[in-house]
Amino acid sequence: MQLGLAAWGLREESLESQLAMAKKLGVDLLEFSIANYSKDLQLDATCAELDAVKEAFKKYGIRLECGCTGNDFGGDDPTDQIEKVKKVVDIAAYLGIKYLRIFASFCSDKLIIGEKFLSMCNALKTVNDYAKTKNVTLCVETHGGVSAVGNGAIVHTCSPSTRVDYMKEIVKTGVSINYDPANLSAVGVASVTAFYEIFKDYIPYVHLKDFFDVEGGVVPSYCGRGRLNYDEVMAVLKDYDGPALIEYELPGDVEDGMRKSLDFLRKYL
């Protein structure tokens, strides 16, 4: 297991700050976000800007192997989303990124059925076929739909990527999986470890975080302070040797949350 920092909680930090934090916390992996948030590197980045990213990672001794973007193939016409992901793949390939985390759809599993499900899978196959020509591995995150309900709470609902039966069809498109057990727990998956066992041959990429329960929903937290049974999770991951990126989601105290997560996880390693 190769510990590192995931991008979402770092969305308000500059790249320099993200890299310095990774160095300070003693990890050498950082997930680089592309066109997923307003402060990210965008699709129109120049070669000079891309070269500056490579130099920054090199300066801090952080490996530039993991990337991510935001997309949703659950719409009526996913053409624009396909073109976006292809452009992100081009950027990832230029940077030497090996794994690119993407999404299938945030829409409810009750809505992505029939022709919509086929359309989503066709979109995934299209972008995966393209990514293979660039030596980039696409990893679909196990992620439901998310909505805020007040008092800081959020509610996660099932999407195609959090259901075993749907995921069995999704991996037929050739994509790999970004396994996020906390997201699976948040949507009510009965056994997140059973999910891993079913799909472990498709999982080269892992996100680790936690949620704790509050009235009306859950609140993001650091690893070990929440609903996830980490004894069970780390037991099934004992032979996993790929990236395991801490996705502490709250930007306000992200360094503290990352540190607490790393301290907790290192007890298992």
Protein backbone atom coordinates (compact mmCIF):
# COMPACT_ATOMS: atom_id res chain seq x y z
CA MET A 1 0.00 0.00 0.00
CA GLN A 2 1.43 3.34 -1.12
CA LEU A 3 -0.02 6.13 1.01
CA GLY A 4 -0.58 9.59 -0.45
CA LEU A 5 -2.95 12.54 -0.49
CA ALA A 6 -6.12 12.74 -2.60
CA ALA A 7 -7.09 15.98 -4.29
CA TRP A 8 -10.62 16.89 -3.19
CA GLY A 9 -9.84 18.15 0.31
CA LEU A 10 -6.92 20.13 -1.11
CA ARG A 11 -9.05 22.03 -3.61
CA GLU A 12 -8.49 25.42 -1.93
CA GLU A 13 -4.71 24.93 -1.71
CA SER A 14 -2.20 25.99 -4.36
CA LEU A 15 -0.20 23.23 -6.00
CA GLU A 16 2.89 24.43 -4.13
CA SER A 17 1.00 24.16 -0.84
CA GLN A 18 -0.28 20.68 -1.70
CA LEU A 19 3.19 19.44 -2.54
CA ALA A 20 4.70 21.01 0.57
CA MET A 21 2.01 19.34 2.70
CA ALA A 22 2.69 15.93 1.16
CA LYS A 23 6.40 16.36 1.83
CA LYS A 24 5.78 17.51 5.40
CA LEU A 25 3.49 14.55 6.11
CA GLY A 26 6.02 12.07 4.79
CA VAL A 27 4.27 10.73 1.69
CA ASP A 28 5.46 10.81 -1.90
CA LEU A 29 2.15 10.52 -3.77
CA LEU A 30 -0.25 13.36 -4.56
CA GLU A 31 -3.38 13.11 -6.68
CA PHE A 32 -3.25 15.92 -9.25
CA SER A 33 -6.63 17.43 -10.10
CA ILE A 34 -7.36 18.49 -13.69
CA ALA A 35 -10.42 20.58 -14.64
CA ASN A 36 -12.46 19.39 -11.68
CA TYR A 37 -12.45 22.61 -9.63
CA SER A 38 -12.01 26.29 -10.37
CA LYS A 39 -8.45 26.42 -9.01
CA ASP A 40 -7.32 23.34 -10.93
CA LEU A 41 -5.20 23.19 -14.04
CA GLN A 42 -7.72 23.68 -16.84
CA LEU A 43 -8.17 22.06 -20.25
CA ASP A 44 -6.54 24.97 -22.09
CA ALA A 45 -3.27 24.70 -20.17
CA THR A 46 -0.18 25.43 -22.22
CA CYS A 47 2.87 23.19 -22.55
CA ALA A 48 4.75 25.69 -20.40
CA GLU A 49 2.14 25.33 -17.64
CA LEU A 50 2.27 21.55 -17.88
CA ASP A 51 6.06 21.57 -17.73
CA ALA A 52 5.87 23.78 -14.63
CA VAL A 53 3.66 21.15 -12.96
CA LYS A 54 6.23 18.45 -13.70
CA GLU A 55 9.02 20.61 -12.33
CA ALA A 56 7.06 21.37 -9.14
CA PHE A 57 6.50 17.67 -8.41
CA LYS A 58 10.18 17.00 -9.12
CA LYS A 59 11.26 19.84 -6.81
CA TYR A 60 9.40 18.30 -3.85
CA GLY A 61 10.24 14.69 -4.66
CA ILE A 62 6.56 13.78 -5.10
CA ARG A 63 5.54 11.20 -7.71
CA LEU A 64 3.24 12.46 -10.45
CA GLU A 65 1.43 9.17 -11.10
CA CYS A 66 -2.15 9.80 -9.94
CA GLY A 67 -4.62 12.25 -11.43
CA CYS A 68 -8.34 12.98 -11.33
CA THR A 69 -11.08 14.95 -12.99
CA GLY A 70 -14.83 15.47 -12.72
CA ASN A 71 -17.37 14.14 -15.21
CA ASP A 72 -20.82 12.60 -15.41
CA PHE A 73 -21.86 10.26 -18.21
CA GLY A 74 -25.44 9.99 -16.96
CA GLY A 75 -26.91 12.76 -19.10
CA ASP A 76 -29.06 12.38 -22.20
CA ASP A 77 -26.09 13.27 -24.45
CA PRO A 78 -22.67 12.56 -22.91
CA THR A 79 -20.76 13.84 -25.97
CA ASP A 80 -19.35 16.93 -24.22
CA GLN A 81 -18.32 14.85 -21.22
CA ILE A 82 -16.54 12.35 -23.47
CA GLU A 83 -14.58 15.13 -25.16
CA LYS A 84 -13.66 16.62 -21.80
CA VAL A 85 -12.32 13.34 -20.45
CA LYS A 86 -10.33 12.77 -23.64
CA LYS A 87 -8.69 16.18 -23.22
CA VAL A 88 -7.88 15.35 -19.61
CA VAL A 89 -6.37 12.05 -20.76
CA ASP A 90 -4.14 14.01 -23.15
CA ILE A 91 -2.96 16.21 -20.29
CA ALA A 92 -2.43 13.19 -18.03
CA ALA A 93 -0.38 11.45 -20.71
CA TYR A 94 1.79 14.54 -21.21
CA LEU A 95 2.44 14.71 -17.47
CA GLY A 96 3.23 11.00 -17.23
CA ILE A 97 0.22 10.23 -15.03
CA LYS A 98 -0.44 6.50 -14.86
CA TYR A 99 -3.87 6.42 -13.14
CA LEU A 100 -6.71 8.85 -13.84
CA ARG A 101 -9.70 8.76 -11.50
CA ILE A 102 -13.00 9.54 -13.21
CA PHE A 103 -16.70 8.96 -12.53
CA ALA A 104 -19.49 7.00 -14.18
CA SER A 105 -22.45 9.10 -13.03
CA PHE A 106 -23.69 10.78 -9.88
CA CYS A 107 -27.29 10.18 -10.94
CA SER A 108 -29.48 7.79 -8.96
CA ASP A 109 -29.28 4.13 -9.91
CA LYS A 110 -33.05 4.35 -10.30
CA LEU A 111 -32.61 6.82 -13.19
CA ILE A 112 -29.65 5.23 -14.98
CA ILE A 113 -31.50 2.26 -16.47
CA GLY A 114 -32.18 0.89 -19.92
CA GLU A 115 -30.87 3.10 -22.72
CA LYS A 116 -29.33 5.56 -20.25
CA PHE A 117 -27.25 2.82 -18.68
CA LEU A 118 -26.13 1.60 -22.09
CA SER A 119 -25.25 5.18 -23.08
CA MET A 120 -23.20 5.61 -19.89
CA CYS A 121 -21.33 2.36 -20.51
CA ASN A 122 -20.69 3.27 -24.17
CA ALA A 123 -19.21 6.57 -23.00
CA LEU A 124 -16.95 4.76 -20.54
CA LYS A 125 -15.80 2.36 -23.25
CA THR A 126 -15.10 5.24 -25.64
CA VAL A 127 -12.92 7.16 -23.20
CA ASN A 128 -11.22 3.98 -21.96
CA ASP A 129 -10.33 2.88 -25.48
CA TYR A 130 -8.82 6.32 -26.02
CA ALA A 131 -6.94 6.28 -22.70
CA LYS A 132 -5.39 2.90 -23.53
CA THR A 133 -3.70 4.44 -26.57
CA LYS A 134 -2.08 6.96 -24.20
CA ASN A 135 -1.06 4.39 -21.55
CA VAL A 136 -3.41 5.94 -18.99
CA THR A 137 -5.51 3.67 -16.75
CA LEU A 138 -9.00 5.04 -16.08
CA CYS A 139 -10.37 4.25 -12.61
CA VAL A 140 -14.08 4.79 -11.95
CA GLU A 141 -14.67 5.89 -8.37
CA THR A 142 -17.26 4.11 -6.25
CA HIS A 143 -19.23 7.28 -5.57
CA GLY A 144 -22.92 7.94 -5.07
CA GLY A 145 -24.92 11.10 -5.50
CA VAL A 146 -24.38 13.70 -2.78
CA SER A 147 -26.73 16.37 -1.44
CA ALA A 148 -26.51 18.74 1.52
CA VAL A 149 -29.32 18.66 4.08
CA GLY A 150 -28.26 21.45 6.44
CA ASN A 151 -26.32 21.54 9.74
CA GLY A 152 -23.24 20.45 7.80
CA ALA A 153 -24.71 17.03 7.03
CA ILE A 154 -24.73 15.40 3.62
CA VAL A 155 -26.67 12.45 2.23
CA HIS A 156 -25.16 9.92 -0.19
CA THR A 157 -27.51 8.01 -2.50
CA CYS A 158 -26.83 4.97 -4.66
CA SER A 159 -25.49 5.48 -8.16
CA PRO A 160 -24.46 2.90 -10.78
CA SER A 161 -20.90 2.74 -9.41
CA THR A 162 -22.00 1.75 -5.91
CA ARG A 163 -24.00 -1.31 -6.96
CA VAL A 164 -22.36 -4.68 -7.48
CA ASP A 165 -24.62 -5.70 -10.37
CA TYR A 166 -24.09 -2.42 -12.22
CA MET A 167 -20.35 -2.41 -11.57
CA LYS A 168 -20.06 -5.88 -13.08
CA GLU A 169 -21.33 -4.35 -16.32
CA ILE A 170 -19.22 -1.19 -15.98
CA VAL A 171 -15.92 -3.12 -15.80
CA LYS A 172 -16.82 -4.88 -19.06
CA THR A 173 -16.10 -1.53 -20.74
CA GLY A 174 -12.44 -2.00 -19.80
CA VAL A 175 -12.23 0.60 -17.04
CA SER A 176 -10.66 -0.12 -13.68
CA ILE A 177 -12.08 0.84 -10.28
CA ASN A 178 -11.16 3.45 -7.71
CA TYR A 179 -12.30 1.66 -4.55
CA ASP A 180 -13.62 4.05 -1.89
CA PRO A 181 -15.06 2.02 1.01
CA ALA A 182 -16.32 5.09 2.88
CA ASN A 183 -18.44 6.12 -0.10
CA LEU A 184 -19.86 2.61 -0.31
CA SER A 185 -20.69 2.63 3.38
CA ALA A 186 -22.33 6.05 3.08
CA VAL A 187 -24.82 4.79 0.49
CA GLY A 188 -25.66 1.75 2.61
CA VAL A 189 -23.66 -1.06 1.01
CA ALA A 190 -23.97 -3.93 3.47
CA SER A 191 -20.37 -5.13 3.21
CA VAL A 192 -17.74 -2.86 1.71
CA THR A 193 -15.17 -5.63 2.13
CA ALA A 194 -17.28 -8.09 0.14
CA PHE A 195 -17.42 -5.47 -2.62
CA TYR A 196 -13.62 -5.35 -2.63
CA GLU A 197 -13.33 -9.14 -2.77
CA ILE A 198 -15.64 -9.29 -5.79
CA PHE A 199 -13.75 -6.63 -7.75
CA LYS A 200 -10.19 -6.78 -6.38
CA ASP A 201 -8.76 -7.83 -9.75
CA TYR A 202 -10.07 -4.54 -11.19
CA ILE A 203 -8.85 -2.28 -8.37
CA PRO A 204 -5.47 -0.55 -8.83
CA TYR A 205 -6.47 2.61 -6.96
CA VAL A 206 -7.93 3.28 -3.50
CA HIS A 207 -9.30 6.28 -1.60
CA LEU A 208 -9.42 6.18 2.20
CA LYS A 209 -11.49 8.46 4.43
CA ASP A 210 -14.38 8.23 6.86
CA PHE A 211 -17.82 9.67 7.68
CA PHE A 212 -19.51 9.90 11.04
CA ASP A 213 -23.25 9.90 11.51
CA VAL A 214 -25.20 13.01 12.49
CA GLU A 215 -28.89 13.79 12.45
CA GLY A 216 -30.13 13.59 8.88
CA GLY A 217 -26.94 12.32 7.27
CA VAL A 218 -23.18 12.07 7.62
CA VAL A 219 -20.26 14.45 8.01
CA PRO A 220 -16.82 13.90 6.44
CA SER A 221 -14.09 12.93 8.87
CA TYR A 222 -10.58 11.54 9.08
CA CYS A 223 -9.83 7.83 8.93
CA GLY A 224 -10.82 6.00 12.11
CA ARG A 225 -13.37 8.54 13.32
CA GLY A 226 -16.56 7.29 11.80
CA ARG A 227 -18.77 4.47 10.68
CA LEU A 228 -16.17 2.49 8.69
CA ASN A 229 -14.74 -0.67 10.28
CA TYR A 230 -11.09 -0.14 9.44
CA ASP A 231 -10.00 -3.43 11.00
CA GLU A 232 -12.02 -5.19 8.31
CA VAL A 233 -11.05 -2.80 5.51
CA MET A 234 -7.33 -2.99 6.19
CA ALA A 235 -7.54 -6.77 6.51
CA VAL A 236 -8.84 -7.15 2.95
CA LEU A 237 -6.29 -4.60 1.72
CA LYS A 238 -3.36 -6.41 3.36
CA ASP A 239 -1.95 -7.55 0.01
CA TYR A 240 -2.90 -4.42 -1.94
CA ASP A 241 0.23 -2.61 -3.13
CA GLY A 242 -1.17 0.28 -5.21
CA PRO A 243 -1.90 3.93 -4.39
CA ALA A 244 -4.03 4.45 -1.27
CA LEU A 245 -4.82 8.14 -1.15
CA ILE A 246 -6.25 9.92 1.90
CA GLU A 247 -9.36 11.84 0.86
CA TYR A 248 -10.04 14.02 3.89
CA GLU A 249 -12.77 16.18 2.38
CA LEU A 250 -12.90 19.35 4.51
CA PRO A 251 -10.56 22.10 3.22
CA GLY A 252 -10.74 24.17 6.42
CA ASP A 253 -8.51 21.83 8.44
CA VAL A 254 -7.23 19.57 5.68
CA GLU A 255 -3.64 19.25 6.92
CA ASP A 256 -4.80 18.20 10.39
CA GLY A 257 -7.28 15.72 8.90
CA MET A 258 -4.67 14.27 6.57
CA ARG A 259 -2.19 13.91 9.43
CA LYS A 260 -4.69 12.18 11.73
CA SER A 261 -5.66 9.82 8.92
CA LEU A 262 -2.06 8.94 8.15
CA ASP A 263 -1.20 8.41 11.81
CA PHE A 264 -4.19 6.10 12.13
CA LEU A 265 -3.47 4.09 8.98
CA ARG A 266 0.24 3.68 9.65
CA LYS A 267 -0.61 1.59 12.69
CA TYR A 268 -1.82 -1.10 10.29
CA LEU A 269 1.22 -1.07 8.02
